[in-house]
């Protein structure tokens, strides 16, 4: 599973490095300019880790299924070669589908109005700026969104149904608790990531959907990559113990400072 976690971290690094530097520049100077080709390129570069992460999360659910339902055969099923092939497939799929999106977006014609109401070049404001027919682009985006969002999400749901059935068959409460804790972090990340992604790219556009899309885009491009390491790290018992000790020490130090203040006041 660690190879999948490393690739998940790599995709989150690509998320932040593609968006955050340019976003901070726009905030500091109060706006900025970007060429149409540069804007399309930024979105397509963002598509690569987005697609790869969707497929990686689906793969990680299968990995958890094998670990819980077939623990004795885990090493023989999830071999290093198989994991490496899956990782390569996820990244190649991301690059190929992003290239398809890039080819279709380059066919759009942009006219006079060229202000994007967003903190990065997303597909919705790009399509709104185009003065040509965008129906074929919207169709391609919808089909790819179904492939990278809906299909893996359904696969994850089916996988977790089998996992839940097997967990309920575990006789000991300690074993059930351990199995649930193994899946809880991954399930939390899946709900955060797929929930926002599905609403952004499969939700029908409306009058006020752009502001909603900006908020949801902020969640899955910045907040989710920031929270994922915390979510996965909290599974580690040593890290939880270190956090507990740190908070306990902080509370004791605050109490000592309060006591000293009170003593100085009365003296």
Protein backbone atom coordinates (compact mmCIF):
# COMPACT_ATOMS: atom_id res chain seq x y z
CA UNK A 1 0.00 0.00 0.00
CA UNK A 2 2.90 2.35 0.63
CA UNK A 3 3.72 2.64 -3.07
CA UNK A 4 0.15 3.86 -3.66
CA UNK A 5 0.45 6.36 -0.80
CA UNK A 6 3.69 7.70 -2.29
CA UNK A 7 2.03 8.19 -5.68
CA UNK A 8 -0.96 9.83 -3.99
CA UNK A 9 1.45 12.27 -2.34
CA UNK A 10 3.12 12.92 -5.69
CA UNK A 11 -0.22 13.77 -7.30
CA UNK A 12 -1.01 16.18 -4.45
CA UNK A 13 2.38 17.87 -4.93
CA UNK A 14 1.50 18.38 -8.60
CA UNK A 15 -1.85 19.85 -7.53
CA UNK A 16 -0.34 22.49 -5.30
CA UNK A 17 2.68 23.39 -7.45
CA UNK A 18 0.44 23.89 -10.47
CA UNK A 19 -2.02 26.22 -8.74
CA UNK A 20 -0.63 27.81 -5.57
CA UNK A 21 2.37 29.80 -6.95
CA UNK A 22 0.31 31.47 -9.67
CA UNK A 23 -2.58 32.04 -7.26
CA UNK A 24 -0.28 33.77 -4.75
CA UNK A 25 1.15 35.92 -7.55
CA UNK A 26 -2.35 37.00 -8.56
CA UNK A 27 -3.21 37.83 -4.94
CA UNK A 28 -0.03 39.89 -4.44
CA UNK A 29 -0.34 41.95 -7.63
CA UNK A 30 -4.14 42.11 -7.57
CA UNK A 31 -4.66 40.26 -10.86
CA UNK A 32 -2.63 39.18 -13.83
CA UNK A 33 -2.61 38.06 -17.43
CA UNK A 34 -2.10 34.67 -19.01
CA UNK A 35 -2.22 33.54 -22.62
CA UNK A 36 -5.04 31.31 -23.80
CA UNK A 37 -2.61 28.50 -24.52
CA UNK A 38 -1.05 28.92 -21.07
CA UNK A 39 -4.47 28.80 -19.44
CA UNK A 40 -5.43 25.64 -21.33
CA UNK A 41 -2.06 24.12 -20.45
CA UNK A 42 -2.54 24.83 -16.74
CA UNK A 43 -5.90 23.08 -16.75
CA UNK A 44 -4.58 20.07 -18.67
CA UNK A 45 -1.60 19.75 -16.32
CA UNK A 46 -4.11 19.76 -13.47
CA UNK A 47 -6.05 16.97 -15.20
CA UNK A 48 -3.05 14.60 -14.99
CA UNK A 49 -2.92 14.27 -11.17
CA UNK A 50 -6.73 14.50 -10.97
CA UNK A 51 -7.24 11.47 -13.21
CA UNK A 52 -4.34 9.58 -11.68
CA UNK A 53 -5.58 10.19 -8.15
CA UNK A 54 -9.07 8.93 -9.00
CA UNK A 55 -7.63 5.68 -10.33
CA UNK A 56 -5.18 5.40 -7.43
CA UNK A 57 -7.96 5.74 -4.85
CA UNK A 58 -9.90 2.97 -6.58
CA UNK A 59 -6.78 0.81 -6.59
CA UNK A 60 -6.20 1.46 -2.89
CA UNK A 61 -9.73 0.25 -2.13
CA UNK A 62 -8.94 -3.03 -3.90
CA UNK A 63 -5.69 -3.21 -1.93
CA UNK A 64 -7.65 -2.85 1.32
CA UNK A 65 -10.11 -5.50 0.13
CA UNK A 66 -7.30 -8.01 -0.45
CA UNK A 67 -5.64 -7.13 2.88
CA UNK A 68 -8.85 -7.64 4.89
CA UNK A 69 -10.66 -10.38 2.95
CA UNK A 70 -7.62 -12.42 1.84
CA UNK A 71 -4.83 -11.53 4.28
CA UNK A 72 -2.93 -14.81 3.84
CA UNK A 73 -2.78 -14.36 0.06
CA UNK A 74 -2.02 -10.62 0.11
CA UNK A 75 1.68 -10.90 -0.74
CA UNK A 76 1.01 -13.36 -3.56
CA UNK A 77 -1.81 -11.26 -5.07
CA UNK A 78 -0.50 -7.71 -4.58
CA UNK A 79 3.04 -8.30 -5.75
CA UNK A 80 5.43 -5.42 -6.24
CA UNK A 81 5.31 -5.93 -10.01
CA UNK A 82 1.51 -5.74 -10.04
CA UNK A 83 1.54 -2.59 -7.91
CA UNK A 84 4.14 -1.01 -10.20
CA UNK A 85 2.09 -1.87 -13.30
CA UNK A 86 -1.03 -0.35 -11.73
CA UNK A 87 0.83 2.85 -10.86
CA UNK A 88 2.21 3.14 -14.41
CA UNK A 89 -1.29 2.55 -15.83
CA UNK A 90 -2.76 5.29 -13.61
CA UNK A 91 -0.19 7.88 -14.69
CA UNK A 92 -0.32 6.93 -18.39
CA UNK A 93 -4.13 7.18 -18.29
CA UNK A 94 -3.83 10.62 -16.71
CA UNK A 95 -1.41 11.87 -19.37
CA UNK A 96 -3.36 10.39 -22.29
CA UNK A 97 -6.76 11.72 -21.21
CA UNK A 98 -5.26 15.13 -20.41
CA UNK A 99 -3.80 15.18 -23.92
CA UNK A 100 -7.24 14.45 -25.38
CA UNK A 101 -8.74 17.33 -23.38
CA UNK A 102 -5.91 19.62 -24.51
CA UNK A 103 -6.58 18.82 -28.18
CA UNK A 104 -10.29 19.60 -27.87
CA UNK A 105 -9.77 22.81 -25.87
CA UNK A 106 -7.32 24.12 -28.46
CA UNK A 107 -10.12 24.04 -31.04
CA UNK A 108 -12.15 26.61 -29.12
CA UNK A 109 -12.22 30.21 -30.35
CA UNK A 110 -12.01 33.01 -27.78
CA UNK A 111 -13.31 36.51 -28.50
CA UNK A 112 -13.06 39.91 -26.81
CA UNK A 113 -14.21 39.20 -23.23
CA UNK A 114 -11.28 37.47 -21.54
CA UNK A 115 -11.65 37.85 -17.75
CA UNK A 116 -11.75 34.59 -15.78
CA UNK A 117 -13.68 34.69 -12.51
CA UNK A 118 -11.61 32.00 -10.82
CA UNK A 119 -8.33 31.52 -8.95
CA UNK A 120 -7.01 29.19 -11.68
CA UNK A 121 -7.93 28.15 -15.22
CA UNK A 122 -10.76 25.70 -14.69
CA UNK A 123 -12.94 24.22 -17.43
CA UNK A 124 -16.16 26.10 -16.53
CA UNK A 125 -14.80 29.68 -16.91
CA UNK A 126 -12.83 28.64 -20.00
CA UNK A 127 -15.96 27.38 -21.73
CA UNK A 128 -17.86 30.53 -20.73
CA UNK A 129 -15.24 32.71 -22.45
CA UNK A 130 -15.44 30.84 -25.74
CA UNK A 131 -17.56 32.30 -28.54
CA UNK A 132 -17.58 29.07 -30.57
CA UNK A 133 -19.63 25.91 -30.20
CA UNK A 134 -18.61 24.20 -26.96
CA UNK A 135 -21.06 21.30 -27.01
CA UNK A 136 -18.50 18.76 -28.19
CA UNK A 137 -16.00 19.89 -25.53
CA UNK A 138 -18.65 19.59 -22.82
CA UNK A 139 -19.53 16.12 -24.11
CA UNK A 140 -15.90 14.98 -24.01
CA UNK A 141 -15.43 16.41 -20.49
CA UNK A 142 -18.62 14.67 -19.33
CA UNK A 143 -17.55 11.32 -20.78
CA UNK A 144 -14.08 11.56 -19.24
CA UNK A 145 -15.61 12.66 -15.93
CA UNK A 146 -17.82 9.57 -15.92
CA UNK A 147 -14.76 7.42 -16.60
CA UNK A 148 -12.48 8.98 -13.97
CA UNK A 149 -15.04 9.89 -11.29
CA UNK A 150 -18.24 7.85 -11.49
CA UNK A 151 -16.83 4.45 -12.52
CA UNK A 152 -13.99 4.33 -9.93
CA UNK A 153 -16.35 5.64 -7.26
CA UNK A 154 -18.85 2.85 -7.97
CA UNK A 155 -15.98 0.36 -7.88
CA UNK A 156 -14.96 1.71 -4.46
CA UNK A 157 -18.54 1.42 -3.16
CA UNK A 158 -18.84 -2.21 -4.31
CA UNK A 159 -15.42 -3.01 -2.85
CA UNK A 160 -16.33 -1.53 0.53
CA UNK A 161 -19.60 -3.46 0.58
CA UNK A 162 -17.59 -6.69 0.37
CA UNK A 163 -15.16 -5.34 2.97
CA UNK A 164 -18.02 -4.47 5.34
CA UNK A 165 -19.55 -7.93 4.97
CA UNK A 166 -16.22 -9.57 5.79
CA UNK A 167 -15.58 -7.22 8.74
CA UNK A 168 -18.95 -8.11 10.29
CA UNK A 169 -17.96 -11.78 10.11
CA UNK A 170 -14.88 -11.19 12.29
CA UNK A 171 -15.69 -12.72 15.71
CA UNK A 172 -13.57 -10.47 17.94
CA UNK A 173 -14.41 -6.82 18.54
CA UNK A 174 -10.69 -5.94 18.50
CA UNK A 175 -10.33 -7.44 15.02
CA UNK A 176 -13.36 -5.52 13.73
CA UNK A 177 -12.05 -2.28 15.24
CA UNK A 178 -8.63 -2.81 13.66
CA UNK A 179 -10.18 -3.53 10.25
CA UNK A 180 -12.41 -0.45 10.47
CA UNK A 181 -9.46 1.75 11.42
CA UNK A 182 -7.54 0.42 8.41
CA UNK A 183 -10.29 1.55 6.04
CA UNK A 184 -11.47 4.72 7.77
CA UNK A 185 -8.66 6.99 6.56
CA UNK A 186 -9.00 5.90 2.94
CA UNK A 187 -12.78 6.19 3.06
CA UNK A 188 -12.54 9.72 4.47
CA UNK A 189 -10.21 10.81 1.66
CA UNK A 190 -12.49 9.19 -0.95
CA UNK A 191 -15.57 11.03 0.33
CA UNK A 192 -13.76 14.39 0.41
CA UNK A 193 -12.17 14.02 -3.02
CA UNK A 194 -14.89 12.32 -5.06
CA UNK A 195 -17.67 14.38 -3.49
CA UNK A 196 -16.24 17.72 -4.59
CA UNK A 197 -15.00 16.37 -7.93
CA UNK A 198 -18.39 14.92 -8.85
CA UNK A 199 -20.25 18.14 -8.05
CA UNK A 200 -17.77 20.27 -10.03
CA UNK A 201 -17.63 18.25 -13.24
CA UNK A 202 -20.97 16.41 -13.29
CA UNK A 203 -23.24 19.05 -11.69
CA UNK A 204 -25.30 20.90 -14.32
CA UNK A 205 -24.19 24.56 -14.55
CA UNK A 206 -26.54 27.22 -13.24
CA UNK A 207 -26.61 30.91 -12.54
CA UNK A 208 -24.79 30.72 -9.23
CA UNK A 209 -22.78 27.56 -9.83
CA UNK A 210 -19.50 29.38 -10.58
CA UNK A 211 -19.05 30.64 -7.01
CA UNK A 212 -19.94 27.19 -5.70
CA UNK A 213 -17.42 25.66 -8.11
CA UNK A 214 -14.71 28.03 -6.89
CA UNK A 215 -15.31 26.97 -3.29
CA UNK A 216 -15.36 23.27 -4.18
CA UNK A 217 -12.28 23.65 -6.37
CA UNK A 218 -10.50 25.19 -3.40
CA UNK A 219 -11.41 22.12 -1.38
CA UNK A 220 -10.13 19.49 -3.77
CA UNK A 221 -7.06 21.37 -5.03
CA UNK A 222 -5.75 22.85 -1.75
CA UNK A 223 -7.64 21.67 1.33
CA UNK A 224 -7.73 17.97 0.43
CA UNK A 225 -3.97 17.72 -0.37
CA UNK A 226 -3.29 19.50 2.93
CA UNK A 227 -5.54 17.25 4.99
CA UNK A 228 -4.67 13.89 3.39
CA UNK A 229 -1.25 13.53 5.11
CA UNK A 230 -2.89 14.38 8.43
CA UNK A 231 -5.66 11.82 7.90
CA UNK A 232 -3.27 9.02 6.97
CA UNK A 233 -0.78 9.95 9.69
CA UNK A 234 -3.41 9.72 12.43
CA UNK A 235 -3.61 5.98 11.74
CA UNK A 236 -0.16 5.61 13.27
CA UNK A 237 -0.35 4.93 17.00
CA UNK A 238 3.02 6.57 17.70
CA UNK A 239 1.91 9.79 16.00
CA UNK A 240 -1.35 9.81 17.95
CA UNK A 241 0.58 9.29 21.19
CA UNK A 242 3.00 12.11 20.29
CA UNK A 243 0.10 14.49 19.57
CA UNK A 244 -1.57 13.54 22.84
CA UNK A 245 1.65 14.13 24.79
CA UNK A 246 2.19 17.46 23.04
CA UNK A 247 -1.33 18.67 23.85
CA UNK A 248 -1.00 17.46 27.44
CA UNK A 249 2.29 19.34 27.88
CA UNK A 250 0.78 22.49 26.38
CA UNK A 251 -2.15 22.26 28.77
CA UNK A 252 0.18 21.80 31.75
CA UNK A 253 2.33 24.75 30.68
CA UNK A 254 -0.77 26.94 30.33
CA UNK A 255 -1.88 25.93 33.81
CA UNK A 256 1.55 26.72 35.25
CA UNK A 257 1.55 30.14 33.56
CA UNK A 258 -1.92 30.89 34.92
CA UNK A 259 -0.86 29.88 38.43
CA UNK A 260 2.25 32.08 38.28
CA UNK A 261 0.16 35.03 37.06
CA UNK A 262 -2.27 34.58 39.92
CA UNK A 263 0.58 34.39 42.45
CA UNK A 264 2.17 37.56 41.09
CA UNK A 265 -1.17 39.35 41.25
CA UNK A 266 -1.87 38.42 44.86
CA UNK A 267 1.71 39.11 45.95
